[in-house]
Amino acid sequence: MHEQIRVFVNRKAVASSQEKARRFAQKTGSEVSELNGVPLNLENVDTVVVVGGDGSVRSVMQQILEKESPARLVVMPGGSQNGLHHALVDAGAMVTESEKGVAGTFLEFHPGSVNEVLFHHGAGWDEFMVKQGVAVEGLRNFFPRKLLGYLGGAWALVIANPARRDENEGFVFRMAVTAPYCGPVRLPMFTHLSLGGENIGMMTVSGQSPTEVKAKAGLLAIYLRLGIHPPLSVVSAEEKPLFTFKNGQVQEASINADGEVGAFPHNGIIYVRRMEKSVRVAALVD
């Protein structure tokens, strides 16, 4: 018996991914629909295949959770970032096409949120980046895809850099990550981060002036995009446990402006939650 598969394609996905999705649908006898912002029909669906970037995956995962659908989620990369796809491959959660649909290993993933915004692969941002996410996302449209990884990331960090004064370190800019990938980039300075988000990695850029911090932040983006371990003169990195307690069915943690993790009041700091609900998810590979 063939599994019931629905393929949802972001019309802005790269052309090669859209063509691959059509071939996949023909081979598996799947129905193809466009992601257009309307509620998805997930009735009697065993597996949902999403063709797009991280935003597309986030929107589909949210509907799977809201509808309490038992459907599995398969990610076919088609965006400019594809962070979840990279992280799933790194975690060994991969499937391939089969005569009956897809076959391979799925990961039982517990999604969560950063400052009430659903996140799907564990990546966290500092408070400013969460609030200004739409503006930062818009900056990417100014750069061709091939240059995006270098210029776009550096430009976004420089422009959106909220360096603040610190009594001990001059001016600082902190970024928190809870997954080994930030977009398509593997973070080389962290060795104990996982897709589950049990630990947090804190990156701190410091300098004697906001201008120096901005320059270092831009340099950091270029180092990361190249996959090069940035020197301590550019950024310091620290890993620590994230979820240390539960509140009912939700694991939660807060991170204050000094990068400390604990049960702080939710007043403008990073507030991370991870739900007890789970979604079986995997990356589609050739």
C-alpha atoms as a PDB file:
ATOM      1  CA  MET A   1       0.000   0.000   0.000  1.00  0.00           C
ATOM      2  CA  HIS A   2       1.389   3.377  -1.037  1.00  0.00           C
ATOM      3  CA  GLU A   3       1.588   6.089   1.583  1.00  0.00           C
ATOM      4  CA  GLN A   4      -0.482   9.205   0.991  1.00  0.00           C
ATOM      5  CA  ILE A   5       1.882  12.084   0.199  1.00  0.00           C
ATOM      6  CA  ARG A   6       1.144  15.763  -0.351  1.00  0.00           C
ATOM      7  CA  VAL A   7       3.824  18.003  -1.853  1.00  0.00           C
ATOM      8  CA  PHE A   8       3.664  21.722  -1.031  1.00  0.00           C
ATOM      9  CA  VAL A   9       5.847  24.005  -3.147  1.00  0.00           C
ATOM     10  CA  ASN A  10       6.793  27.611  -2.492  1.00  0.00           C
ATOM     11  CA  ARG A  11       6.461  29.292  -5.899  1.00  0.00           C
ATOM     12  CA  LYS A  12       9.591  31.320  -5.075  1.00  0.00           C
ATOM     13  CA  ALA A  13      11.653  28.163  -4.551  1.00  0.00           C
ATOM     14  CA  VAL A  14      14.621  27.769  -6.889  1.00  0.00           C
ATOM     15  CA  ALA A  15      13.633  26.386 -10.298  1.00  0.00           C
ATOM     16  CA  SER A  16      15.709  23.219  -9.980  1.00  0.00           C
ATOM     17  CA  SER A  17      13.940  22.328  -6.712  1.00  0.00           C
ATOM     18  CA  GLN A  18      10.510  22.899  -8.251  1.00  0.00           C
ATOM     19  CA  GLU A  19      11.414  20.606 -11.150  1.00  0.00           C
ATOM     20  CA  LYS A  20      12.717  18.004  -8.721  1.00  0.00           C
ATOM     21  CA  ALA A  21       9.437  18.233  -6.813  1.00  0.00           C
ATOM     22  CA  ARG A  22       7.438  17.581  -9.981  1.00  0.00           C
ATOM     23  CA  ARG A  23       9.530  14.519 -10.785  1.00  0.00           C
ATOM     24  CA  PHE A  24       9.141  13.272  -7.224  1.00  0.00           C
ATOM     25  CA  ALA A  25       5.356  13.739  -7.393  1.00  0.00           C
ATOM     26  CA  GLN A  26       5.111  11.861 -10.684  1.00  0.00           C
ATOM     27  CA  LYS A  27       7.207   8.983  -9.382  1.00  0.00           C
ATOM     28  CA  THR A  28       5.291   8.632  -6.119  1.00  0.00           C
ATOM     29  CA  GLY A  29       1.838   9.553  -7.433  1.00  0.00           C
ATOM     30  CA  SER A  30       1.648  12.489  -5.050  1.00  0.00           C
ATOM     31  CA  GLU A  31      -0.563  15.554  -5.226  1.00  0.00           C
ATOM     32  CA  VAL A  32       1.255  18.870  -5.661  1.00  0.00           C
ATOM     33  CA  SER A  33      -0.068  22.145  -4.227  1.00  0.00           C
ATOM     34  CA  GLU A  34       1.323  25.657  -4.000  1.00  0.00           C
ATOM     35  CA  LEU A  35       2.026  27.222  -0.636  1.00  0.00           C
ATOM     36  CA  ASN A  36      -0.129  30.332  -0.817  1.00  0.00           C
ATOM     37  CA  GLY A  37      -0.888  31.187   2.788  1.00  0.00           C
ATOM     38  CA  VAL A  38      -4.237  29.374   3.007  1.00  0.00           C
ATOM     39  CA  PRO A  39      -4.884  26.474   5.438  1.00  0.00           C
ATOM     40  CA  LEU A  40      -3.437  23.202   4.204  1.00  0.00           C
ATOM     41  CA  ASN A  41      -5.549  20.099   3.656  1.00  0.00           C
ATOM     42  CA  LEU A  42      -3.769  17.452   5.718  1.00  0.00           C
ATOM     43  CA  GLU A  43      -6.657  14.999   6.031  1.00  0.00           C
ATOM     44  CA  ASN A  44      -5.621  11.362   5.488  1.00  0.00           C
ATOM     45  CA  VAL A  45      -2.066  12.452   4.673  1.00  0.00           C
ATOM     46  CA  ASP A  46       0.816  10.249   5.821  1.00  0.00           C
ATOM     47  CA  THR A  47       3.710  12.411   4.657  1.00  0.00           C
ATOM     48  CA  VAL A  48       4.017  16.106   3.824  1.00  0.00           C
ATOM     49  CA  VAL A  49       6.881  17.199   1.566  1.00  0.00           C
ATOM     50  CA  VAL A  50       7.808  20.884   1.726  1.00  0.00           C
ATOM     51  CA  VAL A  51       9.779  22.456  -1.103  1.00  0.00           C
ATOM     52  CA  GLY A  52      11.176  25.807  -0.011  1.00  0.00           C
ATOM     53  CA  GLY A  53      13.361  27.467   2.570  1.00  0.00           C
ATOM     54  CA  ASP A  54      13.207  27.696   6.345  1.00  0.00           C
ATOM     55  CA  GLY A  55      10.194  30.027   6.284  1.00  0.00           C
ATOM     56  CA  SER A  56       8.174  27.560   4.222  1.00  0.00           C
ATOM     57  CA  VAL A  57       9.058  24.726   6.584  1.00  0.00           C
ATOM     58  CA  ARG A  58       8.102  26.829   9.591  1.00  0.00           C
ATOM     59  CA  SER A  59       4.650  27.639   8.199  1.00  0.00           C
ATOM     60  CA  VAL A  60       3.869  24.013   7.318  1.00  0.00           C
ATOM     61  CA  MET A  61       5.145  22.693  10.640  1.00  0.00           C
ATOM     62  CA  GLN A  62       2.950  25.184  12.459  1.00  0.00           C
ATOM     63  CA  GLN A  63      -0.139  23.881  10.658  1.00  0.00           C
ATOM     64  CA  ILE A  64       0.797  20.265  11.377  1.00  0.00           C
ATOM     65  CA  LEU A  65       0.966  21.165  15.066  1.00  0.00           C
ATOM     66  CA  GLU A  66      -2.230  23.230  15.088  1.00  0.00           C
ATOM     67  CA  LYS A  67      -4.212  20.526  13.273  1.00  0.00           C
ATOM     68  CA  GLU A  68      -2.601  17.823  15.455  1.00  0.00           C
ATOM     69  CA  SER A  69      -1.884  15.919  12.269  1.00  0.00           C
ATOM     70  CA  PRO A  70       0.119  12.673  12.552  1.00  0.00           C
ATOM     71  CA  ALA A  71       1.758  13.391   9.188  1.00  0.00           C
ATOM     72  CA  ARG A  72       5.511  13.142   8.850  1.00  0.00           C
ATOM     73  CA  LEU A  73       7.383  16.151   7.455  1.00  0.00           C
ATOM     74  CA  VAL A  74       9.984  15.817   4.696  1.00  0.00           C
ATOM     75  CA  VAL A  75      12.114  18.829   3.751  1.00  0.00           C
ATOM     76  CA  MET A  76      13.244  19.336   0.142  1.00  0.00           C
ATOM     77  CA  PRO A  77      15.584  22.394   0.076  1.00  0.00           C
ATOM     78  CA  GLY A  78      14.506  25.229  -2.193  1.00  0.00           C
ATOM     79  CA  GLY A  79      15.292  28.451  -0.356  1.00  0.00           C
ATOM     80  CA  SER A  80      18.294  30.674   0.194  1.00  0.00           C
ATOM     81  CA  GLN A  81      19.064  29.397   3.705  1.00  0.00           C
ATOM     82  CA  ASN A  82      17.799  25.798   4.131  1.00  0.00           C
ATOM     83  CA  GLY A  83      19.127  25.651   7.687  1.00  0.00           C
ATOM     84  CA  LEU A  84      16.804  22.876   8.797  1.00  0.00           C
ATOM     85  CA  HIS A  85      17.735  20.663   5.847  1.00  0.00           C
ATOM     86  CA  HIS A  86      21.441  21.052   6.648  1.00  0.00           C
ATOM     87  CA  ALA A  87      20.847  20.333  10.345  1.00  0.00           C
ATOM     88  CA  LEU A  88      18.748  17.237   9.602  1.00  0.00           C
ATOM     89  CA  VAL A  89      21.425  15.799   7.319  1.00  0.00           C
ATOM     90  CA  ASP A  90      24.010  16.508  10.019  1.00  0.00           C
ATOM     91  CA  ALA A  91      21.801  14.656  12.545  1.00  0.00           C
ATOM     92  CA  GLY A  92      21.370  11.639  10.235  1.00  0.00           C
ATOM     93  CA  ALA A  93      17.635  12.243   9.672  1.00  0.00           C
ATOM     94  CA  MET A  94      17.508  11.546   5.936  1.00  0.00           C
ATOM     95  CA  VAL A  95      15.093   9.838   3.532  1.00  0.00           C
ATOM     96  CA  THR A  96      15.211   8.949  -0.169  1.00  0.00           C
ATOM     97  CA  GLU A  97      12.545   8.241  -2.765  1.00  0.00           C
ATOM     98  CA  SER A  98      11.165   4.711  -2.754  1.00  0.00           C
ATOM     99  CA  GLU A  99       8.565   2.793  -4.753  1.00  0.00           C
ATOM    100  CA  LYS A 100       6.042   3.369  -1.989  1.00  0.00           C
ATOM    101  CA  GLY A 101       6.997   6.954  -1.160  1.00  0.00           C
ATOM    102  CA  VAL A 102       9.992   7.750   1.035  1.00  0.00           C
ATOM    103  CA  ALA A 103      12.231   5.519   3.125  1.00  0.00           C
ATOM    104  CA  GLY A 104      14.872   6.311   5.690  1.00  0.00           C
ATOM    105  CA  THR A 105      15.324   7.755   9.162  1.00  0.00           C
ATOM    106  CA  PHE A 106      13.050  10.366  10.754  1.00  0.00           C
ATOM    107  CA  LEU A 107      13.867  12.512  13.763  1.00  0.00           C
ATOM    108  CA  GLU A 108      11.338  13.026  16.555  1.00  0.00           C
ATOM    109  CA  PHE A 109      11.586  16.801  16.791  1.00  0.00           C
ATOM    110  CA  HIS A 110      10.095  18.997  19.532  1.00  0.00           C
ATOM    111  CA  PRO A 111       9.638  22.461  18.012  1.00  0.00           C
ATOM    112  CA  GLY A 112       9.643  25.592  20.082  1.00  0.00           C
ATOM    113  CA  SER A 113       9.719  29.352  19.874  1.00  0.00           C
ATOM    114  CA  VAL A 114      11.985  32.316  20.470  1.00  0.00           C
ATOM    115  CA  ASN A 115      10.137  35.318  21.923  1.00  0.00           C
ATOM    116  CA  GLU A 116       6.836  33.671  20.871  1.00  0.00           C
ATOM    117  CA  VAL A 117       7.965  33.286  17.228  1.00  0.00           C
ATOM    118  CA  LEU A 118       7.947  29.636  16.159  1.00  0.00           C
ATOM    119  CA  PHE A 119      11.373  28.285  15.334  1.00  0.00           C
ATOM    120  CA  HIS A 120      11.950  24.915  13.783  1.00  0.00           C
ATOM    121  CA  HIS A 121      15.603  24.005  13.814  1.00  0.00           C
ATOM    122  CA  GLY A 122      16.631  25.376  17.196  1.00  0.00           C
ATOM    123  CA  ALA A 123      18.257  28.571  15.978  1.00  0.00           C
ATOM    124  CA  GLY A 124      17.880  31.463  18.401  1.00  0.00           C
ATOM    125  CA  TRP A 125      18.624  35.131  17.930  1.00  0.00           C
ATOM    126  CA  ASP A 126      19.263  37.969  20.313  1.00  0.00           C
ATOM    127  CA  GLU A 127      16.324  40.170  21.279  1.00  0.00           C
ATOM    128  CA  PHE A 128      16.997  42.816  18.627  1.00  0.00           C
ATOM    129  CA  MET A 129      17.280  40.324  15.776  1.00  0.00           C
ATOM    130  CA  VAL A 130      13.942  38.742  16.715  1.00  0.00           C
ATOM    131  CA  LYS A 131      12.148  42.087  16.655  1.00  0.00           C
ATOM    132  CA  GLN A 132      13.863  43.277  13.485  1.00  0.00           C
ATOM    133  CA  GLY A 133      13.722  39.933  11.662  1.00  0.00           C
ATOM    134  CA  VAL A 134      11.526  41.230   8.840  1.00  0.00           C
ATOM    135  CA  ALA A 135      13.838  44.172   8.174  1.00  0.00           C
ATOM    136  CA  VAL A 136      16.927  41.970   8.175  1.00  0.00           C
ATOM    137  CA  GLU A 137      15.205  39.498   5.855  1.00  0.00           C
ATOM    138  CA  GLY A 138      14.462  42.337   3.449  1.00  0.00           C
ATOM    139  CA  LEU A 139      18.152  43.208   3.166  1.00  0.00           C
ATOM    140  CA  ARG A 140      18.774  39.887   1.455  1.00  0.00           C
ATOM    141  CA  ASN A 141      16.829  41.002  -1.621  1.00  0.00           C
ATOM    142  CA  PHE A 142      19.561  43.489  -2.506  1.00  0.00           C
ATOM    143  CA  PHE A 143      22.121  40.755  -3.120  1.00  0.00           C
ATOM    144  CA  PRO A 144      22.396  38.075  -5.843  1.00  0.00           C
ATOM    145  CA  ARG A 145      22.142  34.557  -4.471  1.00  0.00           C
ATOM    146  CA  LYS A 146      25.818  33.748  -5.039  1.00  0.00           C
ATOM    147  CA  LEU A 147      26.917  36.799  -3.068  1.00  0.00           C
ATOM    148  CA  LEU A 148      24.217  36.484  -0.419  1.00  0.00           C
ATOM    149  CA  GLY A 149      26.222  34.176   1.782  1.00  0.00           C
ATOM    150  CA  TYR A 150      29.036  36.686   2.149  1.00  0.00           C
ATOM    151  CA  LEU A 151      27.799  40.215   1.553  1.00  0.00           C
ATOM    152  CA  GLY A 152      24.208  39.779   2.726  1.00  0.00           C
ATOM    153  CA  GLY A 153      25.124  38.219   6.051  1.00  0.00           C
ATOM    154  CA  ALA A 154      27.877  40.715   6.754  1.00  0.00           C
ATOM    155  CA  TRP A 155      25.702  43.683   5.770  1.00  0.00           C
ATOM    156  CA  ALA A 156      22.787  42.528   7.919  1.00  0.00           C
ATOM    157  CA  LEU A 157      24.980  42.081  10.974  1.00  0.00           C
ATOM    158  CA  VAL A 158      26.624  45.478  10.525  1.00  0.00           C
ATOM    159  CA  ILE A 159      23.386  47.418   9.942  1.00  0.00           C
ATOM    160  CA  ALA A 160      21.261  45.568  12.504  1.00  0.00           C
ATOM    161  CA  ASN A 161      23.942  45.477  15.170  1.00  0.00           C
ATOM    162  CA  PRO A 162      22.607  46.731  18.526  1.00  0.00           C
ATOM    163  CA  ALA A 163      25.959  47.121  20.308  1.00  0.00           C
ATOM    164  CA  ARG A 164      25.371  48.110  23.926  1.00  0.00           C
ATOM    165  CA  ARG A 165      27.693  49.435  26.598  1.00  0.00           C
ATOM    166  CA  ASP A 166      29.058  46.912  29.077  1.00  0.00           C
ATOM    167  CA  GLU A 167      30.875  47.897  32.266  1.00  0.00           C
ATOM    168  CA  ASN A 168      33.584  45.273  31.798  1.00  0.00           C
ATOM    169  CA  GLU A 169      33.836  44.836  28.024  1.00  0.00           C
ATOM    170  CA  GLY A 170      33.263  48.304  26.554  1.00  0.00           C
ATOM    171  CA  PHE A 171      30.599  47.710  23.891  1.00  0.00           C
ATOM    172  CA  VAL A 172      29.202  44.245  23.182  1.00  0.00           C
ATOM    173  CA  PHE A 173      26.889  42.487  20.743  1.00  0.00           C
ATOM    174  CA  ARG A 174      25.611  39.024  21.737  1.00  0.00           C
ATOM    175  CA  MET A 175      24.020  36.344  19.589  1.00  0.00           C
ATOM    176  CA  ALA A 176      22.502  33.129  20.926  1.00  0.00           C
ATOM    177  CA  VAL A 177      22.207  29.931  18.886  1.00  0.00           C
ATOM    178  CA  THR A 178      20.719  26.619  19.966  1.00  0.00           C
ATOM    179  CA  ALA A 179      21.418  24.591  16.820  1.00  0.00           C
ATOM    180  CA  PRO A 180      24.614  23.661  14.984  1.00  0.00           C
ATOM    181  CA  TYR A 181      23.495  25.521  11.853  1.00  0.00           C
ATOM    182  CA  CYS A 182      22.664  29.186  11.374  1.00  0.00           C
ATOM    183  CA  GLY A 183      21.096  29.230   7.922  1.00  0.00           C
ATOM    184  CA  PRO A 184      23.354  27.138   5.671  1.00  0.00           C
ATOM    185  CA  VAL A 185      26.408  27.725   7.862  1.00  0.00           C
ATOM    186  CA  ARG A 186      27.829  25.142  10.271  1.00  0.00           C
ATOM    187  CA  LEU A 187      29.072  26.997  13.351  1.00  0.00           C
ATOM    188  CA  PRO A 188      32.649  25.749  13.799  1.00  0.00           C
ATOM    189  CA  MET A 189      33.195  27.132  17.281  1.00  0.00           C
ATOM    190  CA  PHE A 190      30.543  24.920  18.888  1.00  0.00           C
ATOM    191  CA  THR A 191      30.840  21.155  19.330  1.00  0.00           C
ATOM    192  CA  HIS A 192      27.922  20.271  21.626  1.00  0.00           C
ATOM    193  CA  LEU A 193      24.978  21.954  19.928  1.00  0.00           C
ATOM    194  CA  SER A 194      22.285  19.672  18.534  1.00  0.00           C
ATOM    195  CA  LEU A 195      19.023  19.922  16.637  1.00  0.00           C
ATOM    196  CA  GLY A 196      17.178  19.319  19.902  1.00  0.00           C
ATOM    197  CA  GLY A 197      18.473  22.551  21.408  1.00  0.00           C
ATOM    198  CA  GLU A 198      19.526  21.134  24.776  1.00  0.00           C
ATOM    199  CA  ASN A 199      22.468  23.523  24.920  1.00  0.00           C
ATOM    200  CA  ILE A 200      22.951  27.117  23.927  1.00  0.00           C
ATOM    201  CA  GLY A 201      25.931  28.687  22.234  1.00  0.00           C
ATOM    202  CA  MET A 202      26.597  32.310  23.057  1.00  0.00           C
ATOM    203  CA  MET A 203      28.725  34.414  20.693  1.00  0.00           C
ATOM    204  CA  THR A 204      29.971  37.780  21.982  1.00  0.00           C
ATOM    205  CA  VAL A 205      31.564  40.477  19.846  1.00  0.00           C
ATOM    206  CA  SER A 206      33.186  43.233  21.885  1.00  0.00           C
ATOM    207  CA  GLY A 207      35.068  46.459  21.195  1.00  0.00           C
ATOM    208  CA  GLN A 208      35.865  49.900  22.499  1.00  0.00           C
ATOM    209  CA  SER A 209      33.262  51.600  20.297  1.00  0.00           C
ATOM    210  CA  PRO A 210      30.028  50.684  18.447  1.00  0.00           C
ATOM    211  CA  THR A 211      31.889  51.126  15.151  1.00  0.00           C
ATOM    212  CA  GLU A 212      34.512  48.554  16.142  1.00  0.00           C
ATOM    213  CA  VAL A 213      31.792  46.098  17.180  1.00  0.00           C
ATOM    214  CA  LYS A 214      29.973  46.581  13.865  1.00  0.00           C
ATOM    215  CA  ALA A 215      33.163  45.963  11.904  1.00  0.00           C
ATOM    216  CA  LYS A 216      33.904  42.783  13.862  1.00  0.00           C
ATOM    217  CA  ALA A 217      30.319  41.578  13.420  1.00  0.00           C
ATOM    218  CA  GLY A 218      30.603  41.952   9.661  1.00  0.00           C
ATOM    219  CA  LEU A 219      33.935  40.106   9.705  1.00  0.00           C
ATOM    220  CA  LEU A 220      32.355  37.360  11.818  1.00  0.00           C
ATOM    221  CA  ALA A 221      29.634  36.831   9.211  1.00  0.00           C
ATOM    222  CA  ILE A 222      32.254  36.408   6.486  1.00  0.00           C
ATOM    223  CA  TYR A 223      34.284  33.938   8.570  1.00  0.00           C
ATOM    224  CA  LEU A 224      31.164  31.857   9.245  1.00  0.00           C
ATOM    225  CA  ARG A 225      29.999  31.907   5.633  1.00  0.00           C
ATOM    226  CA  LEU A 226      33.409  30.634   4.587  1.00  0.00           C
ATOM    227  CA  GLY A 227      33.242  27.901   7.228  1.00  0.00           C
ATOM    228  CA  ILE A 228      36.361  29.224   8.961  1.00  0.00           C
ATOM    229  CA  HIS A 229      36.725  29.205  12.732  1.00  0.00           C
ATOM    230  CA  PRO A 230      36.813  32.923  13.664  1.00  0.00           C
ATOM    231  CA  PRO A 231      39.705  34.033  15.921  1.00  0.00           C
ATOM    232  CA  LEU A 232      39.150  35.130  19.518  1.00  0.00           C
ATOM    233  CA  SER A 233      40.033  38.672  18.458  1.00  0.00           C
ATOM    234  CA  VAL A 234      36.732  38.706  16.506  1.00  0.00           C
ATOM    235  CA  VAL A 235      34.337  36.721  18.713  1.00  0.00           C
ATOM    236  CA  SER A 236      34.308  34.741  21.934  1.00  0.00           C
ATOM    237  CA  ALA A 237      32.097  31.654  22.194  1.00  0.00           C
ATOM    238  CA  GLU A 238      30.676  29.704  25.124  1.00  0.00           C
ATOM    239  CA  GLU A 239      28.337  26.694  25.410  1.00  0.00           C
ATOM    240  CA  LYS A 240      26.030  26.059  28.367  1.00  0.00           C
ATOM    241  CA  PRO A 241      22.881  24.033  29.184  1.00  0.00           C
ATOM    242  CA  LEU A 242      19.677  25.741  28.034  1.00  0.00           C
ATOM    243  CA  PHE A 243      16.612  23.904  29.335  1.00  0.00           C
ATOM    244  CA  THR A 244      17.051  23.248  33.033  1.00  0.00           C
ATOM    245  CA  PHE A 245      13.425  23.116  34.146  1.00  0.00           C
ATOM    246  CA  LYS A 246       9.872  22.487  32.955  1.00  0.00           C
ATOM    247  CA  ASN A 247       6.637  24.443  33.313  1.00  0.00           C
ATOM    248  CA  GLY A 248       3.878  21.887  32.775  1.00  0.00           C
ATOM    249  CA  GLN A 249       4.294  20.427  29.290  1.00  0.00           C
ATOM    250  CA  VAL A 250       6.690  23.141  28.138  1.00  0.00           C
ATOM    251  CA  GLN A 251      10.414  23.451  28.656  1.00  0.00           C
ATOM    252  CA  GLU A 252      11.426  27.078  28.894  1.00  0.00           C
ATOM    253  CA  ALA A 253      14.441  29.242  29.506  1.00  0.00           C
ATOM    254  CA  SER A 254      15.341  32.907  29.445  1.00  0.00           C
ATOM    255  CA  ILE A 255      18.568  34.611  28.483  1.00  0.00           C
ATOM    256  CA  ASN A 256      19.355  38.050  29.838  1.00  0.00           C
ATOM    257  CA  ALA A 257      21.413  40.828  28.279  1.00  0.00           C
ATOM    258  CA  ASP A 258      24.582  39.445  29.885  1.00  0.00           C
ATOM    259  CA  GLY A 259      24.131  36.051  28.217  1.00  0.00           C
ATOM    260  CA  GLU A 260      23.112  34.319  31.455  1.00  0.00           C
ATOM    261  CA  VAL A 261      20.583  31.482  31.252  1.00  0.00           C
ATOM    262  CA  GLY A 262      17.900  31.128  33.926  1.00  0.00           C
ATOM    263  CA  ALA A 263      14.306  31.777  34.954  1.00  0.00           C
ATOM    264  CA  PHE A 264      14.354  35.530  34.386  1.00  0.00           C
ATOM    265  CA  PRO A 265      11.151  37.563  33.947  1.00  0.00           C
ATOM    266  CA  HIS A 266      10.008  37.857  30.346  1.00  0.00           C
ATOM    267  CA  ASN A 267      10.726  41.548  29.854  1.00  0.00           C
ATOM    268  CA  GLY A 268      12.505  42.115  26.567  1.00  0.00           C
ATOM    269  CA  ILE A 269      15.143  39.396  26.913  1.00  0.00           C
ATOM    270  CA  ILE A 270      15.353  36.207  24.847  1.00  0.00           C
ATOM    271  CA  TYR A 271      12.612  33.823  25.932  1.00  0.00           C
ATOM    272  CA  VAL A 272      12.891  30.275  24.581  1.00  0.00           C
ATOM    273  CA  ARG A 273      10.217  27.579  24.848  1.00  0.00           C
ATOM    274  CA  ARG A 274      10.192  23.989  23.626  1.00  0.00           C
ATOM    275  CA  MET A 275       6.934  22.075  23.350  1.00  0.00           C
ATOM    276  CA  GLU A 276       6.221  18.525  24.437  1.00  0.00           C
ATOM    277  CA  LYS A 277       4.488  17.944  21.080  1.00  0.00           C
ATOM    278  CA  SER A 278       6.695  16.489  18.396  1.00  0.00           C
ATOM    279  CA  VAL A 279       6.822  16.178  14.629  1.00  0.00           C
ATOM    280  CA  ARG A 280       8.648  13.425  12.775  1.00  0.00           C
ATOM    281  CA  VAL A 281      10.889  15.201  10.305  1.00  0.00           C
ATOM    282  CA  ALA A 282      13.608  14.277   7.810  1.00  0.00           C
ATOM    283  CA  ALA A 283      15.610  15.743   4.932  1.00  0.00           C
ATOM    284  CA  LEU A 284      15.065  14.417   1.409  1.00  0.00           C
ATOM    285  CA  VAL A 285      18.408  13.534  -0.181  1.00  0.00           C
ATOM    286  CA  ASP A 286      19.389  12.099  -3.565  1.00  0.00           C
END
